PDB file of N, CA and C in Angstrom:
ATOM      1  N   ALA A   1      45.238 -17.889  47.938  1.00  0.00           N
ATOM      2  CA  ALA A   1      44.165 -18.775  48.366  1.00  0.00           C
ATOM      3  C   ALA A   1      43.836 -19.811  47.286  1.00  0.00           C
ATOM      4  N   LEU A   2      43.844 -19.388  46.021  1.00  0.00           N
ATOM      5  CA  LEU A   2      43.521 -20.334  44.947  1.00  0.00           C
ATOM      6  C   LEU A   2      44.613 -21.392  44.814  1.00  0.00           C
ATOM      7  N   ARG A   3      45.861 -20.971  44.891  1.00  0.00           N
ATOM      8  CA  ARG A   3      46.962 -21.946  44.840  1.00  0.00           C
ATOM      9  C   ARG A   3      46.884 -22.897  46.023  1.00  0.00           C
ATOM     10  N   ASP A   4      46.613 -22.342  47.196  1.00  0.00           N
ATOM     11  CA  ASP A   4      46.502 -23.179  48.396  1.00  0.00           C
ATOM     12  C   ASP A   4      45.377 -24.198  48.263  1.00  0.00           C
ATOM     13  N   ALA A   5      44.382 -23.883  47.444  1.00  0.00           N
ATOM     14  CA  ALA A   5      43.253 -24.791  47.221  1.00  0.00           C
ATOM     15  C   ALA A   5      43.546 -25.798  46.110  1.00  0.00           C
ATOM     16  N   GLY A   6      44.783 -25.781  45.582  1.00  0.00           N
ATOM     17  CA  GLY A   6      45.174 -26.751  44.570  1.00  0.00           C
ATOM     18  C   GLY A   6      44.926 -26.323  43.138  1.00  0.00           C
ATOM     19  N   MET A   7      44.593 -25.063  42.940  1.00  0.00           N
ATOM     20  CA  MET A   7      44.345 -24.571  41.582  1.00  0.00           C
ATOM     21  C   MET A   7      45.631 -23.995  41.002  1.00  0.00           C
ATOM     22  N   GLU A   8      45.786 -24.158  39.702  1.00  0.00           N
ATOM     23  CA  GLU A   8      46.922 -23.541  39.022  1.00  0.00           C
ATOM     24  C   GLU A   8      46.571 -22.081  38.768  1.00  0.00           C
ATOM     25  N   VAL A   9      47.468 -21.193  39.148  1.00  0.00           N
ATOM     26  CA  VAL A   9      47.238 -19.761  38.993  1.00  0.00           C
ATOM     27  C   VAL A   9      48.337 -19.186  38.117  1.00  0.00           C
ATOM     28  N   ILE A  10      47.938 -18.441  37.113  1.00  0.00           N
ATOM     29  CA  ILE A  10      48.880 -17.742  36.250  1.00  0.00           C
ATOM     30  C   ILE A  10      48.666 -16.259  36.506  1.00  0.00           C
ATOM     31  N   TYR A  11      49.620 -15.648  37.158  1.00  0.00           N
ATOM     32  CA  TYR A  11      49.511 -14.238  37.530  1.00  0.00           C
ATOM     33  C   TYR A  11      50.195 -13.399  36.462  1.00  0.00           C
ATOM     34  N   THR A  12      49.443 -12.513  35.830  1.00  0.00           N
ATOM     35  CA  THR A  12      50.006 -11.697  34.755  1.00  0.00           C
ATOM     36  C   THR A  12      50.574 -10.381  35.249  1.00  0.00           C
ATOM     37  N   GLY A  13      50.373 -10.060  36.505  1.00  0.00           N
ATOM     38  CA  GLY A  13      50.925  -8.833  37.060  1.00  0.00           C
ATOM     39  C   GLY A  13      49.930  -7.692  37.070  1.00  0.00           C
ATOM     40  N   LEU A  14      50.376  -6.587  37.603  1.00  0.00           N
ATOM     41  CA  LEU A  14      49.544  -5.387  37.697  1.00  0.00           C
ATOM     42  C   LEU A  14      49.546  -4.613  36.386  1.00  0.00           C
ATOM     43  N   ARG A  15      48.503  -3.868  36.187  1.00  0.00           N
ATOM     44  CA  ARG A  15      48.379  -2.924  35.068  1.00  0.00           C
ATOM     45  C   ARG A  15      48.515  -3.566  33.692  1.00  0.00           C
ATOM     46  N   CYS A  16      48.050  -4.784  33.548  1.00  0.00           N
ATOM     47  CA  CYS A  16      48.041  -5.438  32.237  1.00  0.00           C
ATOM     48  C   CYS A  16      46.871  -4.917  31.423  1.00  0.00           C
ATOM     49  N   THR A  17      47.073  -4.827  30.136  1.00  0.00           N
ATOM     50  CA  THR A  17      45.974  -4.441  29.259  1.00  0.00           C
ATOM     51  C   THR A  17      45.052  -5.638  29.060  1.00  0.00           C
ATOM     52  N   ALA A  18      43.861  -5.352  28.595  1.00  0.00           N
ATOM     53  CA  ALA A  18      42.909  -6.428  28.305  1.00  0.00           C
ATOM     54  C   ALA A  18      43.500  -7.386  27.277  1.00  0.00           C
ATOM     55  N   SER A  19      44.167  -6.866  26.266  1.00  0.00           N
ATOM     56  CA  SER A  19      44.733  -7.746  25.238  1.00  0.00           C
ATOM     57  C   SER A  19      45.855  -8.614  25.804  1.00  0.00           C
ATOM     58  N   GLN A  20      46.647  -8.108  26.735  1.00  0.00           N
ATOM     59  CA  GLN A  20      47.688  -8.921  27.364  1.00  0.00           C
ATOM     60  C   GLN A  20      47.072 -10.056  28.181  1.00  0.00           C
ATOM     61  N   ILE A  21      45.995  -9.755  28.884  1.00  0.00           N
ATOM     62  CA  ILE A  21      45.319 -10.766  29.699  1.00  0.00           C
ATOM     63  C   ILE A  21      44.732 -11.854  28.813  1.00  0.00           C
ATOM     64  N   VAL A  22      44.057 -11.456  27.754  1.00  0.00           N
ATOM     65  CA  VAL A  22      43.427 -12.432  26.857  1.00  0.00           C
ATOM     66  C   VAL A  22      44.488 -13.261  26.143  1.00  0.00           C
ATOM     67  N   LYS A  23      45.556 -12.638  25.716  1.00  0.00           N
ATOM     68  CA  LYS A  23      46.638 -13.377  25.054  1.00  0.00           C
ATOM     69  C   LYS A  23      47.202 -14.445  25.990  1.00  0.00           C
ATOM     70  N   ALA A  24      47.478 -14.072  27.232  1.00  0.00           N
ATOM     71  CA  ALA A  24      48.004 -15.036  28.202  1.00  0.00           C
ATOM     72  C   ALA A  24      46.995 -16.146  28.469  1.00  0.00           C
ATOM     73  N   ALA A  25      45.727 -15.794  28.565  1.00  0.00           N
ATOM     74  CA  ALA A  25      44.681 -16.792  28.832  1.00  0.00           C
ATOM     75  C   ALA A  25      44.597 -17.818  27.713  1.00  0.00           C
ATOM     76  N   ILE A  26      44.696 -17.358  26.490  1.00  0.00           N
ATOM     77  CA  ILE A  26      44.618 -18.271  25.347  1.00  0.00           C
ATOM     78  C   ILE A  26      45.882 -19.131  25.267  1.00  0.00           C
ATOM     79  N   GLU A  27      47.039 -18.519  25.460  1.00  0.00           N
ATOM     80  CA  GLU A  27      48.294 -19.277  25.422  1.00  0.00           C
ATOM     81  C   GLU A  27      48.335 -20.355  26.498  1.00  0.00           C
ATOM     82  N   GLU A  28      47.786 -20.058  27.658  1.00  0.00           N
ATOM     83  CA  GLU A  28      47.813 -20.994  28.788  1.00  0.00           C
ATOM     84  C   GLU A  28      46.596 -21.909  28.832  1.00  0.00           C
ATOM     85  N   ASP A  29      45.640 -21.698  27.924  1.00  0.00           N
ATOM     86  CA  ASP A  29      44.425 -22.513  27.856  1.00  0.00           C
ATOM     87  C   ASP A  29      43.708 -22.564  29.211  1.00  0.00           C
ATOM     88  N   VAL A  30      43.416 -21.385  29.741  1.00  0.00           N
ATOM     89  CA  VAL A  30      42.815 -21.293  31.073  1.00  0.00           C
ATOM     90  C   VAL A  30      41.328 -21.632  31.055  1.00  0.00           C
ATOM     91  N   GLU A  31      40.830 -22.003  32.217  1.00  0.00           N
ATOM     92  CA  GLU A  31      39.400 -22.253  32.401  1.00  0.00           C
ATOM     93  C   GLU A  31      38.694 -21.017  32.937  1.00  0.00           C
ATOM     94  N   ALA A  32      39.444 -20.142  33.597  1.00  0.00           N
ATOM     95  CA  ALA A  32      38.839 -18.970  34.230  1.00  0.00           C
ATOM     96  C   ALA A  32      39.821 -17.813  34.240  1.00  0.00           C
ATOM     97  N   ILE A  33      39.263 -16.613  34.280  1.00  0.00           N
ATOM     98  CA  ILE A  33      40.047 -15.391  34.435  1.00  0.00           C
ATOM     99  C   ILE A  33      39.427 -14.611  35.583  1.00  0.00           C
ATOM    100  N   GLY A  34      40.274 -14.229  36.524  1.00  0.00           N
ATOM    101  CA  GLY A  34      39.841 -13.375  37.622  1.00  0.00           C
ATOM    102  C   GLY A  34      40.492 -12.014  37.501  1.00  0.00           C
ATOM    103  N   LEU A  35      39.686 -10.978  37.578  1.00  0.00           N
ATOM    104  CA  LEU A  35      40.186  -9.612  37.490  1.00  0.00           C
ATOM    105  C   LEU A  35      39.866  -8.865  38.772  1.00  0.00           C
ATOM    106  N   SER A  36      40.731  -7.937  39.124  1.00  0.00           N
ATOM    107  CA  SER A  36      40.512  -7.093  40.290  1.00  0.00           C
ATOM    108  C   SER A  36      40.626  -5.643  39.855  1.00  0.00           C
ATOM    109  N   SER A  37      39.743  -4.818  40.384  1.00  0.00           N
ATOM    110  CA  SER A  37      39.792  -3.399  40.052  1.00  0.00           C
ATOM    111  C   SER A  37      39.584  -2.574  41.306  1.00  0.00           C
ATOM    112  N   LEU A  38      40.549  -1.738  41.574  1.00  0.00           N
ATOM    113  CA  LEU A  38      40.453  -0.818  42.702  1.00  0.00           C
ATOM    114  C   LEU A  38      40.442   0.627  42.229  1.00  0.00           C
ATOM    115  N   SER A  39      40.528   0.830  40.915  1.00  0.00           N
ATOM    116  CA  SER A  39      40.712   2.171  40.365  1.00  0.00           C
ATOM    117  C   SER A  39      39.459   2.800  39.789  1.00  0.00           C
ATOM    118  N   GLY A  40      38.379   2.037  39.695  1.00  0.00           N
ATOM    119  CA  GLY A  40      37.169   2.573  39.086  1.00  0.00           C
ATOM    120  C   GLY A  40      37.080   2.325  37.594  1.00  0.00           C
ATOM    121  N   ALA A  41      38.072   1.653  37.022  1.00  0.00           N
ATOM    122  CA  ALA A  41      38.069   1.377  35.586  1.00  0.00           C
ATOM    123  C   ALA A  41      37.493   0.000  35.278  1.00  0.00           C
ATOM    124  N   HIS A  42      36.792  -0.578  36.240  1.00  0.00           N
ATOM    125  CA  HIS A  42      36.308  -1.949  36.097  1.00  0.00           C
ATOM    126  C   HIS A  42      35.408  -2.146  34.886  1.00  0.00           C
ATOM    127  N   GLU A  43      34.494  -1.227  34.649  1.00  0.00           N
ATOM    128  CA  GLU A  43      33.553  -1.458  33.552  1.00  0.00           C
ATOM    129  C   GLU A  43      34.278  -1.489  32.209  1.00  0.00           C
ATOM    130  N   THR A  44      35.128  -0.526  31.968  1.00  0.00           N
ATOM    131  CA  THR A  44      35.866  -0.484  30.704  1.00  0.00           C
ATOM    132  C   THR A  44      36.780  -1.695  30.562  1.00  0.00           C
ATOM    133  N   HIS A  45      37.576  -1.960  31.576  1.00  0.00           N
ATOM    134  CA  HIS A  45      38.577  -3.027  31.504  1.00  0.00           C
ATOM    135  C   HIS A  45      37.925  -4.409  31.458  1.00  0.00           C
ATOM    136  N   PHE A  46      36.974  -4.665  32.333  1.00  0.00           N
ATOM    137  CA  PHE A  46      36.321  -5.971  32.373  1.00  0.00           C
ATOM    138  C   PHE A  46      35.573  -6.241  31.067  1.00  0.00           C
ATOM    139  N   CYS A  47      34.857  -5.237  30.568  1.00  0.00           N
ATOM    140  CA  CYS A  47      34.097  -5.409  29.320  1.00  0.00           C
ATOM    141  C   CYS A  47      35.020  -5.669  28.140  1.00  0.00           C
ATOM    142  N   GLU A  48      36.170  -5.021  28.134  1.00  0.00           N
ATOM    143  CA  GLU A  48      37.133  -5.227  27.047  1.00  0.00           C
ATOM    144  C   GLU A  48      37.691  -6.650  27.074  1.00  0.00           C
ATOM    145  N   VAL A  49      37.977  -7.176  28.236  1.00  0.00           N
ATOM    146  CA  VAL A  49      38.444  -8.564  28.342  1.00  0.00           C
ATOM    147  C   VAL A  49      37.381  -9.505  27.794  1.00  0.00           C
ATOM    148  N   SER A  50      36.144  -9.299  28.181  1.00  0.00           N
ATOM    149  CA  SER A  50      35.050 -10.149  27.700  1.00  0.00           C
ATOM    150  C   SER A  50      34.912 -10.067  26.181  1.00  0.00           C
ATOM    151  N   ARG A  51      34.978  -8.862  25.643  1.00  0.00           N
ATOM    152  CA  ARG A  51      34.846  -8.665  24.192  1.00  0.00           C
ATOM    153  C   ARG A  51      35.977  -9.359  23.439  1.00  0.00           C
ATOM    154  N   LEU A  52      37.197  -9.196  23.909  1.00  0.00           N
ATOM    155  CA  LEU A  52      38.344  -9.806  23.235  1.00  0.00           C
ATOM    156  C   LEU A  52      38.305 -11.331  23.308  1.00  0.00           C
ATOM    157  N   LEU A  53      37.864 -11.867  24.429  1.00  0.00           N
ATOM    158  CA  LEU A  53      37.715 -13.324  24.523  1.00  0.00           C
ATOM    159  C   LEU A  53      36.735 -13.828  23.474  1.00  0.00           C
ATOM    160  N   ALA A  54      35.618 -13.138  23.332  1.00  0.00           N
ATOM    161  CA  ALA A  54      34.621 -13.537  22.334  1.00  0.00           C
ATOM    162  C   ALA A  54      35.213 -13.471  20.931  1.00  0.00           C
ATOM    163  N   GLU A  55      35.957 -12.423  20.646  1.00  0.00           N
ATOM    164  CA  GLU A  55      36.588 -12.285  19.327  1.00  0.00           C
ATOM    165  C   GLU A  55      37.567 -13.416  19.046  1.00  0.00           C
ATOM    166  N   GLU A  56      38.208 -13.913  20.082  1.00  0.00           N
ATOM    167  CA  GLU A  56      39.197 -14.988  19.936  1.00  0.00           C
ATOM    168  C   GLU A  56      38.564 -16.376  20.007  1.00  0.00           C
ATOM    169  N   GLY A  57      37.245 -16.434  20.110  1.00  0.00           N
ATOM    170  CA  GLY A  57      36.568 -17.721  20.192  1.00  0.00           C
ATOM    171  C   GLY A  57      36.715 -18.394  21.545  1.00  0.00           C
ATOM    172  N   ALA A  58      36.948 -17.604  22.566  1.00  0.00           N
ATOM    173  CA  ALA A  58      37.164 -18.149  23.910  1.00  0.00           C
ATOM    174  C   ALA A  58      36.125 -17.626  24.900  1.00  0.00           C
ATOM    175  N   ALA A  59      34.917 -17.423  24.420  1.00  0.00           N
ATOM    176  CA  ALA A  59      33.861 -16.884  25.284  1.00  0.00           C
ATOM    177  C   ALA A  59      33.443 -17.858  26.372  1.00  0.00           C
ATOM    178  N   ASP A  60      33.904 -19.112  26.295  1.00  0.00           N
ATOM    179  CA  ASP A  60      33.542 -20.096  27.316  1.00  0.00           C
ATOM    180  C   ASP A  60      34.421 -20.009  28.565  1.00  0.00           C
ATOM    181  N   VAL A  61      35.426 -19.147  28.560  1.00  0.00           N
ATOM    182  CA  VAL A  61      36.269 -18.961  29.737  1.00  0.00           C
ATOM    183  C   VAL A  61      35.440 -18.282  30.825  1.00  0.00           C
ATOM    184  N   LEU A  62      35.445 -18.860  32.010  1.00  0.00           N
ATOM    185  CA  LEU A  62      34.712 -18.295  33.143  1.00  0.00           C
ATOM    186  C   LEU A  62      35.358 -16.978  33.557  1.00  0.00           C
ATOM    187  N   LEU A  63      34.545 -15.955  33.706  1.00  0.00           N
ATOM    188  CA  LEU A  63      35.031 -14.650  34.141  1.00  0.00           C
ATOM    189  C   LEU A  63      34.505 -14.351  35.534  1.00  0.00           C
ATOM    190  N   PHE A  64      35.400 -13.914  36.401  1.00  0.00           N
ATOM    191  CA  PHE A  64      34.983 -13.443  37.716  1.00  0.00           C
ATOM    192  C   PHE A  64      35.846 -12.249  38.083  1.00  0.00           C
ATOM    193  N   GLY A  65      35.327 -11.412  38.941  1.00  0.00           N
ATOM    194  CA  GLY A  65      36.056 -10.208  39.292  1.00  0.00           C
ATOM    195  C   GLY A  65      35.713  -9.724  40.675  1.00  0.00           C
ATOM    196  N   GLY A  66      36.488  -8.771  41.105  1.00  0.00           N
ATOM    197  CA  GLY A  66      36.249  -8.203  42.414  1.00  0.00           C
ATOM    198  C   GLY A  66      36.943  -6.874  42.557  1.00  0.00           C
ATOM    199  N   GLY A  67      36.720  -6.276  43.699  1.00  0.00           N
ATOM    200  CA  GLY A  67      37.326  -4.988  43.976  1.00  0.00           C
ATOM    201  C   GLY A  67      36.274  -3.978  44.367  1.00  0.00           C
ATOM    202  N   ILE A  68      36.617  -2.740  44.162  1.00  0.00           N
ATOM    203  CA  ILE A  68      35.704  -1.657  44.511  1.00  0.00           C
ATOM    204  C   ILE A  68      34.803  -1.416  43.305  1.00  0.00           C
ATOM    205  N   ILE A  69      33.717  -2.150  43.278  1.00  0.00           N
ATOM    206  CA  ILE A  69      32.779  -2.115  42.155  1.00  0.00           C
ATOM    207  C   ILE A  69      31.406  -1.773  42.717  1.00  0.00           C
ATOM    208  N   PRO A  70      30.878  -0.608  42.354  1.00  0.00           N
ATOM    209  CA  PRO A  70      29.560  -0.227  42.864  1.00  0.00           C
ATOM    210  C   PRO A  70      28.492  -1.241  42.464  1.00  0.00           C
ATOM    211  N   GLN A  71      27.555  -1.477  43.355  1.00  0.00           N
ATOM    212  CA  GLN A  71      26.494  -2.453  43.114  1.00  0.00           C
ATOM    213  C   GLN A  71      25.759  -2.174  41.809  1.00  0.00           C
ATOM    214  N   GLN A  72      25.589  -0.907  41.461  1.00  0.00           N
ATOM    215  CA  GLN A  72      24.853  -0.587  40.234  1.00  0.00           C
ATOM    216  C   GLN A  72      25.600  -1.022  38.969  1.00  0.00           C
ATOM    217  N   ASP A  73      26.887  -1.338  39.069  1.00  0.00           N
ATOM    218  CA  ASP A  73      27.656  -1.798  37.908  1.00  0.00           C
ATOM    219  C   ASP A  73      27.671  -3.325  37.774  1.00  0.00           C
ATOM    220  N   VAL A  74      27.262  -4.021  38.809  1.00  0.00           N
ATOM    221  CA  VAL A  74      27.342  -5.484  38.811  1.00  0.00           C
ATOM    222  C   VAL A  74      26.478  -6.093  37.705  1.00  0.00           C
ATOM    223  N   ASP A  75      25.252  -5.611  37.524  1.00  0.00           N
ATOM    224  CA  ASP A  75      24.382  -6.167  36.478  1.00  0.00           C
ATOM    225  C   ASP A  75      25.003  -6.023  35.099  1.00  0.00           C
ATOM    226  N   ARG A  76      25.605  -4.885  34.819  1.00  0.00           N
ATOM    227  CA  ARG A  76      26.254  -4.669  33.516  1.00  0.00           C
ATOM    228  C   ARG A  76      27.396  -5.669  33.310  1.00  0.00           C
ATOM    229  N   LEU A  77      28.176  -5.908  34.344  1.00  0.00           N
ATOM    230  CA  LEU A  77      29.283  -6.853  34.220  1.00  0.00           C
ATOM    231  C   LEU A  77      28.775  -8.277  34.023  1.00  0.00           C
ATOM    232  N   ARG A  78      27.677  -8.603  34.656  1.00  0.00           N
ATOM    233  CA  ARG A  78      27.073  -9.932  34.436  1.00  0.00           C
ATOM    234  C   ARG A  78      26.572 -10.053  32.993  1.00  0.00           C
ATOM    235  N   GLU A  79      26.019  -8.972  32.459  1.00  0.00           N
ATOM    236  CA  GLU A  79      25.523  -8.982  31.073  1.00  0.00           C
ATOM    237  C   GLU A  79      26.630  -9.285  30.077  1.00  0.00           C
ATOM    238  N   VAL A  80      27.848  -8.845  30.361  1.00  0.00           N
ATOM    239  CA  VAL A  80      28.950  -9.081  29.424  1.00  0.00           C
ATOM    240  C   VAL A  80      29.700 -10.372  29.726  1.00  0.00           C
ATOM    241  N   GLY A  81      29.202 -11.158  30.700  1.00  0.00           N
ATOM    242  CA  GLY A  81      29.758 -12.486  30.891  1.00  0.00           C
ATOM    243  C   GLY A  81      30.439 -12.785  32.208  1.00  0.00           C
ATOM    244  N   PHE A  82      30.450 -11.849  33.131  1.00  0.00           N
ATOM    245  CA  PHE A  82      31.084 -12.124  34.421  1.00  0.00           C
ATOM    246  C   PHE A  82      30.122 -12.901  35.298  1.00  0.00           C
ATOM    247  N   GLN A  83      30.515 -14.108  35.641  1.00  0.00           N
ATOM    248  CA  GLN A  83      29.658 -14.987  36.433  1.00  0.00           C
ATOM    249  C   GLN A  83      29.545 -14.506  37.867  1.00  0.00           C
ATOM    250  N   CYS A  84      30.667 -14.086  38.432  1.00  0.00           N
ATOM    251  CA  CYS A  84      30.682 -13.671  39.834  1.00  0.00           C
ATOM    252  C   CYS A  84      31.442 -12.358  39.980  1.00  0.00           C
ATOM    253  N   ILE A  85      30.892 -11.469  40.788  1.00  0.00           N
ATOM    254  CA  ILE A  85      31.559 -10.226  41.156  1.00  0.00           C
ATOM    255  C   ILE A  85      31.602 -10.190  42.679  1.00  0.00           C
ATOM    256  N   TYR A  86      32.797 -10.032  43.219  1.00  0.00           N
ATOM    257  CA  TYR A  86      32.984 -10.085  44.663  1.00  0.00           C
ATOM    258  C   TYR A  86      33.350  -8.711  45.219  1.00  0.00           C
ATOM    259  N   PRO A  87      32.574  -8.220  46.183  1.00  0.00           N
ATOM    260  CA  PRO A  87      32.906  -6.942  46.815  1.00  0.00           C
ATOM    261  C   PRO A  87      34.054  -7.106  47.812  1.00  0.00           C
ATOM    262  N   PRO A  88      34.651  -5.990  48.228  1.00  0.00           N
ATOM    263  CA  PRO A  88      35.693  -6.074  49.252  1.00  0.00           C
ATOM    264  C   PRO A  88      35.166  -6.813  50.487  1.00  0.00           C
ATOM    265  N   GLY A  89      36.029  -7.599  51.080  1.00  0.00           N
ATOM    266  CA  GLY A  89      35.659  -8.321  52.284  1.00  0.00           C
ATOM    267  C   GLY A  89      35.065  -9.693  52.046  1.00  0.00           C
ATOM    268  N   THR A  90      34.887 -10.073  50.785  1.00  0.00           N
ATOM    269  CA  THR A  90      34.366 -11.414  50.496  1.00  0.00           C
ATOM    270  C   THR A  90      35.364 -12.446  51.010  1.00  0.00           C
ATOM    271  N   PRO A  91      34.909 -13.415  51.793  1.00  0.00           N
ATOM    272  CA  PRO A  91      35.838 -14.450  52.275  1.00  0.00           C
ATOM    273  C   PRO A  91      36.456 -15.222  51.106  1.00  0.00           C
ATOM    274  N   LEU A  92      37.744 -15.445  51.185  1.00  0.00           N
ATOM    275  CA  LEU A  92      38.437 -16.171  50.120  1.00  0.00           C
ATOM    276  C   LEU A  92      37.856 -17.564  49.930  1.00  0.00           C
ATOM    277  N   GLU A  93      37.381 -18.167  51.009  1.00  0.00           N
ATOM    278  CA  GLU A  93      36.786 -19.498  50.918  1.00  0.00           C
ATOM    279  C   GLU A  93      35.566 -19.497  50.000  1.00  0.00           C
ATOM    280  N   LYS A  94      34.800 -18.413  50.013  1.00  0.00           N
ATOM    281  CA  LYS A  94      33.626 -18.317  49.138  1.00  0.00           C
ATOM    282  C   LYS A  94      34.055 -18.312  47.676  1.00  0.00           C
ATOM    283  N   ILE A  95      35.089 -17.559  47.371  1.00  0.00           N
ATOM    284  CA  ILE A  95      35.577 -17.487  45.994  1.00  0.00           C
ATOM    285  C   ILE A  95      36.070 -18.865  45.548  1.00  0.00           C
ATOM    286  N   VAL A  96      36.849 -19.521  46.388  1.00  0.00           N
ATOM    287  CA  VAL A  96      37.349 -20.865  46.072  1.00  0.00           C
ATOM    288  C   VAL A  96      36.187 -21.823  45.857  1.00  0.00           C
ATOM    289  N   ASP A  97      35.219 -21.813  46.768  1.00  0.00           N
ATOM    290  CA  ASP A  97      34.060 -22.709  46.645  1.00  0.00           C
ATOM    291  C   ASP A  97      33.272 -22.433  45.372  1.00  0.00           C
ATOM    292  N   ASP A  98      33.057 -21.147  45.057  1.00  0.00           N
ATOM    293  CA  ASP A  98      32.328 -20.795  43.838  1.00  0.00           C
ATOM    294  C   ASP A  98      33.057 -21.299  42.598  1.00  0.00           C
ATOM    295  N   LEU A  99      34.361 -21.109  42.556  1.00  0.00           N
ATOM    296  CA  LEU A  99      35.132 -21.567  41.395  1.00  0.00           C
ATOM    297  C   LEU A  99      35.087 -23.079  41.269  1.00  0.00           C
ATOM    298  N   ARG A 100      35.270 -23.755  42.374  1.00  0.00           N
ATOM    299  CA  ARG A 100      35.216 -25.222  42.326  1.00  0.00           C
ATOM    300  C   ARG A 100      33.869 -25.709  41.804  1.00  0.00           C
ATOM    301  N   SER A 101      32.794 -25.155  42.313  1.00  0.00           N
ATOM    302  CA  SER A 101      31.466 -25.637  41.909  1.00  0.00           C
ATOM    303  C   SER A 101      31.132 -25.239  40.477  1.00  0.00           C
ATOM    304  N   THR A 102      31.682 -24.146  40.001  1.00  0.00           N
ATOM    305  CA  THR A 102      31.398 -23.707  38.636  1.00  0.00           C
ATOM    306  C   THR A 102      32.279 -24.428  37.619  1.00  0.00           C
ATOM    307  N   LEU A 103      33.545 -24.604  37.946  1.00  0.00           N
ATOM    308  CA  LEU A 103      34.470 -25.238  37.004  1.00  0.00           C
ATOM    309  C   LEU A 103      34.338 -26.751  36.981  1.00  0.00           C
ATOM    310  N   ARG A 104      33.981 -27.324  38.091  1.00  0.00           N
ATOM    311  CA  ARG A 104      33.842 -28.779  38.178  1.00  0.00           C
ATOM    312  C   ARG A 104      32.539 -29.128  38.873  1.00  0.00           C
ATOM    313  N   PRO A 105      31.425 -28.833  38.223  1.00  0.00           N
ATOM    314  CA  PRO A 105      30.147 -29.145  38.877  1.00  0.00           C
ATOM    315  C   PRO A 105      30.043 -30.635  39.167  1.00  0.00           C
ATOM    316  N   GLU A 106      29.477 -30.920  40.318  1.00  0.00           N
ATOM    317  CA  GLU A 106      29.320 -32.322  40.703  1.00  0.00           C
ATOM    318  C   GLU A 106      28.308 -32.995  39.802  1.00  0.00           C
ATOM    319  N   SER A 107      28.592 -34.228  39.491  1.00  0.00           N
ATOM    320  CA  SER A 107      27.699 -35.002  38.635  1.00  0.00           C
ATOM    321  C   SER A 107      26.367 -35.211  39.332  1.00  0.00           C
ATOM    322  N   SER A 108      25.306 -35.147  38.567  1.00  0.00           N
ATOM    323  CA  SER A 108      23.975 -35.350  39.148  1.00  0.00           C
ATOM    324  C   SER A 108      23.583 -36.814  39.147  1.00  0.00           C
ATOM    325  N   THR A 109      24.493 -37.698  38.725  1.00  0.00           N
ATOM    326  CA  THR A 109      24.172 -39.133  38.696  1.00  0.00           C
ATOM    327  C   THR A 109      24.580 -39.818  39.963  1.00  0.00           C
TER     328      THR A 109
END
């Protein structure tokens, strides 16, 4: 859906470590990182990506995620820098629209 919307997508594959994701993000000079978690490891994995980005001086990279993430964990993920968390069934158009408006906010002039 993101590619179809004209965005460049760099897919790192399944089961990447947080350090592999951050390394690829820095090498590719990305504006955003999207993570998906279906295994219940979202808090550990997502928080580690956020921490490593900060250590690398890349805390300005937009973080968003989705998957099977209990509502009670969403606030914690927002605290560590995730702008958007999408539950299962979120329309892809919403994700695309959110990214567009966040990455390229319309000028107020």
